[in-house]
Amino acid sequence: MNQILITQKLYVTPEIKRKRSFYKIYFLLSLFCAVLLFSFYIYAEYDRNRSEEVGKTLRNNTNFDQMLNEEENRLWIFVLGEEGNSIDETYILQEEMQEQMQPQIQYSEGEPYYPIATISIPKINVNEVVLSRTSDELLKISPTKFRGPDPNEIGNLCIVGHNYRNTKFFSKVPTLEIGDALELTDSKGRTVTYQMYSKYEVSPEDRECLLQETNGKREITLITCTNDGNLRVIAKFREK
């Protein structure tokens, strides 16, 4: 008995064609988004590493005591070699030089910035340079001055730094406790020790921590983010 095999060809409806087209487009869009996100991640890591290298170079090259000693010696020899300068005039020139001297200026976004201090918090292994102004780009390099007087002057010097949830910049500031110490060395070579007396969290819109009334005391306010980035951690220090 002969058997007749009949092969039926599946009929593809317009609805199935539309679904197939939709799935193809969805797949291509998903692939494109994945590649885009991966590229963004790679660039962000590259940009962060590049900024950290700049910050590392600043830390390694910023030694205010050494800079002052070298500049004082050069000025001392120069002034003593000039006729008509008394000892009193030499001292005045040295003080004026110290007030005006800054480390070599760097540039970012067309605006000058420079190190104004070094900050050390031994408990959490922080040893960073404080830059003279704040911007998104500079915060990737190092903590920055946000508000207040010059370092180690009367008033409330507010310093901001990123919390990268690792060991960099101000990531460990949220773990500090009342009584912990901070040392700030300014561009005149003065090192002042401060002690933390308050720590709390506020919303990003709360600016009360920036107020400058300190009853004639020297204070420092450190500002960073909570680990989830929703709030700001405020750590306040007062001269010991």
Protein backbone atom coordinates (compact mmCIF):
# COMPACT_ATOMS: atom_id res chain seq x y z
CA MET A 1 0.00 0.00 0.00
CA ASN A 2 1.41 3.31 -1.04
CA GLN A 3 1.32 6.09 1.43
CA ILE A 4 0.99 9.68 0.33
CA LEU A 5 2.88 12.13 2.53
CA ILE A 6 1.43 15.57 2.56
CA THR A 7 3.53 18.41 3.95
CA GLN A 8 1.61 21.36 5.08
CA LYS A 9 3.32 24.70 5.01
CA LEU A 10 2.62 26.77 8.06
CA TYR A 11 0.77 29.87 7.13
CA VAL A 12 2.32 33.00 8.70
CA THR A 13 -0.35 35.51 9.54
CA PRO A 14 0.22 39.29 9.44
CA GLU A 15 -0.12 39.29 13.23
CA ILE A 16 2.80 36.88 13.64
CA LYS A 17 4.90 38.97 11.25
CA ARG A 18 4.24 42.07 13.32
CA LYS A 19 5.23 40.28 16.52
CA ARG A 20 8.43 39.00 14.95
CA SER A 21 9.32 42.50 13.77
CA PHE A 22 8.56 43.88 17.22
CA TYR A 23 10.78 41.29 18.92
CA LYS A 24 13.64 42.04 16.52
CA ILE A 25 13.38 45.77 17.15
CA TYR A 26 13.11 45.18 20.91
CA PHE A 27 16.20 42.95 20.84
CA LEU A 28 18.23 45.48 18.84
CA LEU A 29 17.21 48.34 21.13
CA SER A 30 18.07 46.30 24.21
CA LEU A 31 21.46 45.43 22.73
CA PHE A 32 22.10 49.07 21.87
CA CYS A 33 21.17 50.22 25.40
CA ALA A 34 23.40 47.56 26.95
CA VAL A 35 26.36 48.65 24.81
CA LEU A 36 25.65 52.30 25.61
CA LEU A 37 25.48 51.66 29.37
CA PHE A 38 28.65 49.57 29.27
CA SER A 39 30.45 52.31 27.31
CA PHE A 40 29.27 54.92 29.81
CA TYR A 41 30.53 52.77 32.69
CA ILE A 42 33.93 52.32 31.04
CA TYR A 43 34.23 56.07 30.40
CA ALA A 44 33.15 56.92 33.96
CA GLU A 45 35.79 54.58 35.37
CA TYR A 46 38.41 56.03 33.02
CA ASP A 47 37.45 59.59 33.97
CA ARG A 48 37.51 58.75 37.68
CA ASN A 49 40.90 57.05 37.43
CA ARG A 50 42.30 59.98 35.46
CA SER A 51 41.01 62.46 38.06
CA GLU A 52 42.41 60.33 40.88
CA GLU A 53 45.81 60.38 39.21
CA VAL A 54 45.67 64.20 39.13
CA GLY A 55 44.71 64.19 42.82
CA LYS A 56 47.53 61.79 43.63
CA THR A 57 50.01 64.05 41.86
CA LEU A 58 48.72 67.05 43.85
CA ARG A 59 49.07 65.16 47.14
CA ASN A 60 52.60 64.03 46.31
CA ASN A 61 53.74 67.49 45.20
CA THR A 62 52.08 69.61 47.91
CA ASN A 63 54.34 70.21 50.90
CA PHE A 64 53.68 73.68 52.28
CA ASP A 65 56.44 73.53 54.89
CA GLN A 66 59.05 72.68 52.27
CA MET A 67 57.76 75.34 49.87
CA LEU A 68 57.91 78.02 52.56
CA ASN A 69 61.39 77.04 53.71
CA GLU A 70 62.77 77.11 50.17
CA GLU A 71 61.09 80.44 49.38
CA GLU A 72 62.16 82.02 52.69
CA ASN A 73 65.79 81.02 52.13
CA ARG A 74 65.78 82.43 48.61
CA LEU A 75 64.22 85.71 49.75
CA TRP A 76 66.52 85.98 52.77
CA ILE A 77 69.67 85.74 50.65
CA PHE A 78 68.26 88.14 48.08
CA VAL A 79 67.25 90.78 50.62
CA LEU A 80 70.53 90.67 52.55
CA GLY A 81 72.38 91.22 49.29
CA GLU A 82 70.50 94.48 48.64
CA GLU A 83 71.86 97.68 50.20
CA GLY A 84 69.59 99.81 52.35
CA ASN A 85 67.33 97.02 53.68
CA SER A 86 67.18 96.81 57.47
CA ILE A 87 66.34 93.67 59.45
CA ASP A 88 62.82 95.01 60.12
CA GLU A 89 62.18 95.50 56.43
CA THR A 90 63.36 91.94 55.79
CA TYR A 91 60.77 90.54 58.20
CA ILE A 92 57.99 92.56 56.56
CA LEU A 93 58.95 91.31 53.13
CA GLN A 94 58.92 87.72 54.37
CA GLU A 95 55.41 88.07 55.84
CA GLU A 96 54.09 89.66 52.65
CA MET A 97 55.66 86.87 50.60
CA GLN A 98 54.05 84.17 52.77
CA GLU A 99 50.59 85.74 52.43
CA GLN A 100 50.84 86.00 48.65
CA MET A 101 52.67 82.75 47.86
CA GLN A 102 50.63 79.85 46.50
CA PRO A 103 51.74 76.58 44.92
CA GLN A 104 51.81 76.50 41.14
CA ILE A 105 48.34 77.15 39.74
CA GLN A 106 46.56 74.39 37.87
CA TYR A 107 43.71 74.91 35.42
CA SER A 108 40.33 73.25 34.89
CA GLU A 109 37.41 74.47 32.79
CA GLY A 110 39.36 77.67 32.08
CA GLU A 111 39.29 78.76 35.76
CA PRO A 112 42.34 78.72 38.05
CA TYR A 113 42.49 76.56 41.16
CA TYR A 114 45.26 75.65 43.56
CA PRO A 115 45.86 73.77 46.83
CA ILE A 116 45.07 75.88 49.89
CA ALA A 117 45.61 73.25 52.60
CA THR A 118 46.19 69.61 53.39
CA ILE A 119 43.71 67.75 55.59
CA SER A 120 44.61 64.74 57.70
CA ILE A 121 42.19 62.53 59.68
CA PRO A 122 44.32 59.73 61.14
CA LYS A 123 41.41 57.55 62.32
CA ILE A 124 40.11 56.98 58.79
CA ASN A 125 43.45 57.35 56.93
CA VAL A 126 42.46 60.57 55.16
CA ASN A 127 45.37 62.61 53.82
CA GLU A 128 44.09 64.88 51.08
CA VAL A 129 44.74 68.25 49.47
CA VAL A 130 42.00 70.89 49.76
CA LEU A 131 41.48 72.86 46.55
CA SER A 132 40.60 76.54 46.42
CA ARG A 133 37.20 76.25 44.74
CA THR A 134 34.40 73.78 44.04
CA SER A 135 33.15 72.29 40.78
CA ASP A 136 31.92 68.88 39.66
CA GLU A 137 35.22 68.24 37.90
CA LEU A 138 37.40 69.35 40.80
CA LEU A 139 35.48 67.16 43.25
CA LYS A 140 36.69 64.17 41.24
CA ILE A 141 40.27 65.25 41.97
CA SER A 142 40.19 66.15 45.66
CA PRO A 143 38.07 67.70 48.44
CA THR A 144 37.38 71.39 47.85
CA LYS A 145 36.60 74.55 49.76
CA PHE A 146 32.88 75.33 49.52
CA ARG A 147 32.36 78.28 51.88
CA GLY A 148 34.08 80.23 54.63
CA PRO A 149 37.43 81.83 55.50
CA ASP A 150 40.93 80.87 54.49
CA PRO A 151 42.26 77.72 56.19
CA ASN A 152 43.04 78.07 59.92
CA GLU A 153 41.41 81.50 60.15
CA ILE A 154 38.49 82.46 62.40
CA GLY A 155 35.17 81.31 60.96
CA ASN A 156 33.60 78.16 59.56
CA LEU A 157 35.65 76.64 56.74
CA CYS A 158 33.31 74.29 54.85
CA ILE A 159 34.99 71.50 52.87
CA VAL A 160 33.12 69.12 50.57
CA GLY A 161 34.31 65.74 49.34
CA HIS A 162 32.87 62.74 47.53
CA ASN A 163 31.70 59.58 49.26
CA TYR A 164 32.64 56.81 46.81
CA ARG A 165 31.64 54.12 49.35
CA ASN A 166 35.24 52.87 49.50
CA THR A 167 38.33 54.37 51.16
CA LYS A 168 38.75 57.47 48.96
CA PHE A 169 38.19 61.13 49.84
CA PHE A 170 35.42 61.48 52.46
CA SER A 171 33.97 57.97 52.10
CA LYS A 172 34.73 57.14 55.75
CA VAL A 173 33.67 60.48 57.23
CA PRO A 174 30.22 59.03 58.15
CA THR A 175 32.00 56.58 60.50
CA LEU A 176 33.68 59.32 62.58
CA GLU A 177 32.69 59.81 66.21
CA ILE A 178 32.55 62.75 68.59
CA GLY A 179 36.06 63.56 69.81
CA ASP A 180 37.91 62.35 66.69
CA ALA A 181 40.75 64.61 65.55
CA LEU A 182 41.48 66.42 62.29
CA GLU A 183 44.65 68.29 61.33
CA LEU A 184 44.70 71.09 58.78
CA THR A 185 47.96 72.49 57.39
CA ASP A 186 47.58 75.75 55.46
CA SER A 187 49.75 77.38 52.79
CA LYS A 188 51.65 79.31 55.48
CA GLY A 189 52.83 76.06 56.99
CA ARG A 190 50.60 76.29 60.09
CA THR A 191 49.11 73.04 61.36
CA VAL A 192 46.05 73.30 63.61
CA THR A 193 44.32 70.36 65.31
CA TYR A 194 40.52 70.30 65.41
CA GLN A 195 38.17 68.00 67.33
CA MET A 196 34.78 66.80 66.15
CA TYR A 197 31.92 68.00 68.36
CA SER A 198 28.87 67.22 66.19
CA LYS A 199 27.74 64.92 63.37
CA TYR A 200 24.32 64.71 61.74
CA GLU A 201 22.48 64.24 58.43
CA VAL A 202 20.50 66.86 56.52
CA SER A 203 18.70 67.20 53.21
CA PRO A 204 20.69 68.62 50.27
CA GLU A 205 18.66 71.85 50.52
CA ASP A 206 19.59 72.48 54.19
CA ARG A 207 22.34 75.14 54.28
CA GLU A 208 22.43 75.86 58.02
CA CYS A 209 25.79 74.09 58.38
CA LEU A 210 27.36 76.83 56.22
CA LEU A 211 26.64 79.63 58.71
CA GLN A 212 29.73 81.61 59.72
CA GLU A 213 28.90 82.58 63.32
CA THR A 214 31.48 80.72 65.44
CA ASN A 215 31.88 83.05 68.44
CA GLY A 216 35.39 83.95 67.38
CA LYS A 217 36.49 80.31 67.06
CA ARG A 218 38.13 78.46 64.20
CA GLU A 219 35.89 75.68 62.91
CA ILE A 220 35.80 73.19 60.05
CA THR A 221 32.68 71.60 58.56
CA LEU A 222 33.11 68.48 56.43
CA ILE A 223 30.29 67.73 53.99
CA THR A 224 29.76 64.49 52.09
CA CYS A 225 26.89 62.22 50.99
CA THR A 226 25.28 59.29 52.74
CA ASN A 227 25.94 55.93 51.08
CA ASP A 228 22.65 56.09 49.17
CA GLY A 229 23.29 59.70 48.09
CA ASN A 230 19.94 60.98 49.37
CA LEU A 231 21.18 62.99 52.36
CA ARG A 232 24.28 64.94 53.38
CA VAL A 233 26.53 63.96 56.28
CA ILE A 234 27.75 66.97 58.26
CA ALA A 235 30.78 66.58 60.54
CA LYS A 236 31.68 69.69 62.54
CA PHE A 237 35.09 70.30 64.14
CA ARG A 238 36.36 72.99 66.49
CA GLU A 239 39.93 74.01 67.28
CA LYS A 240 41.24 72.13 70.32
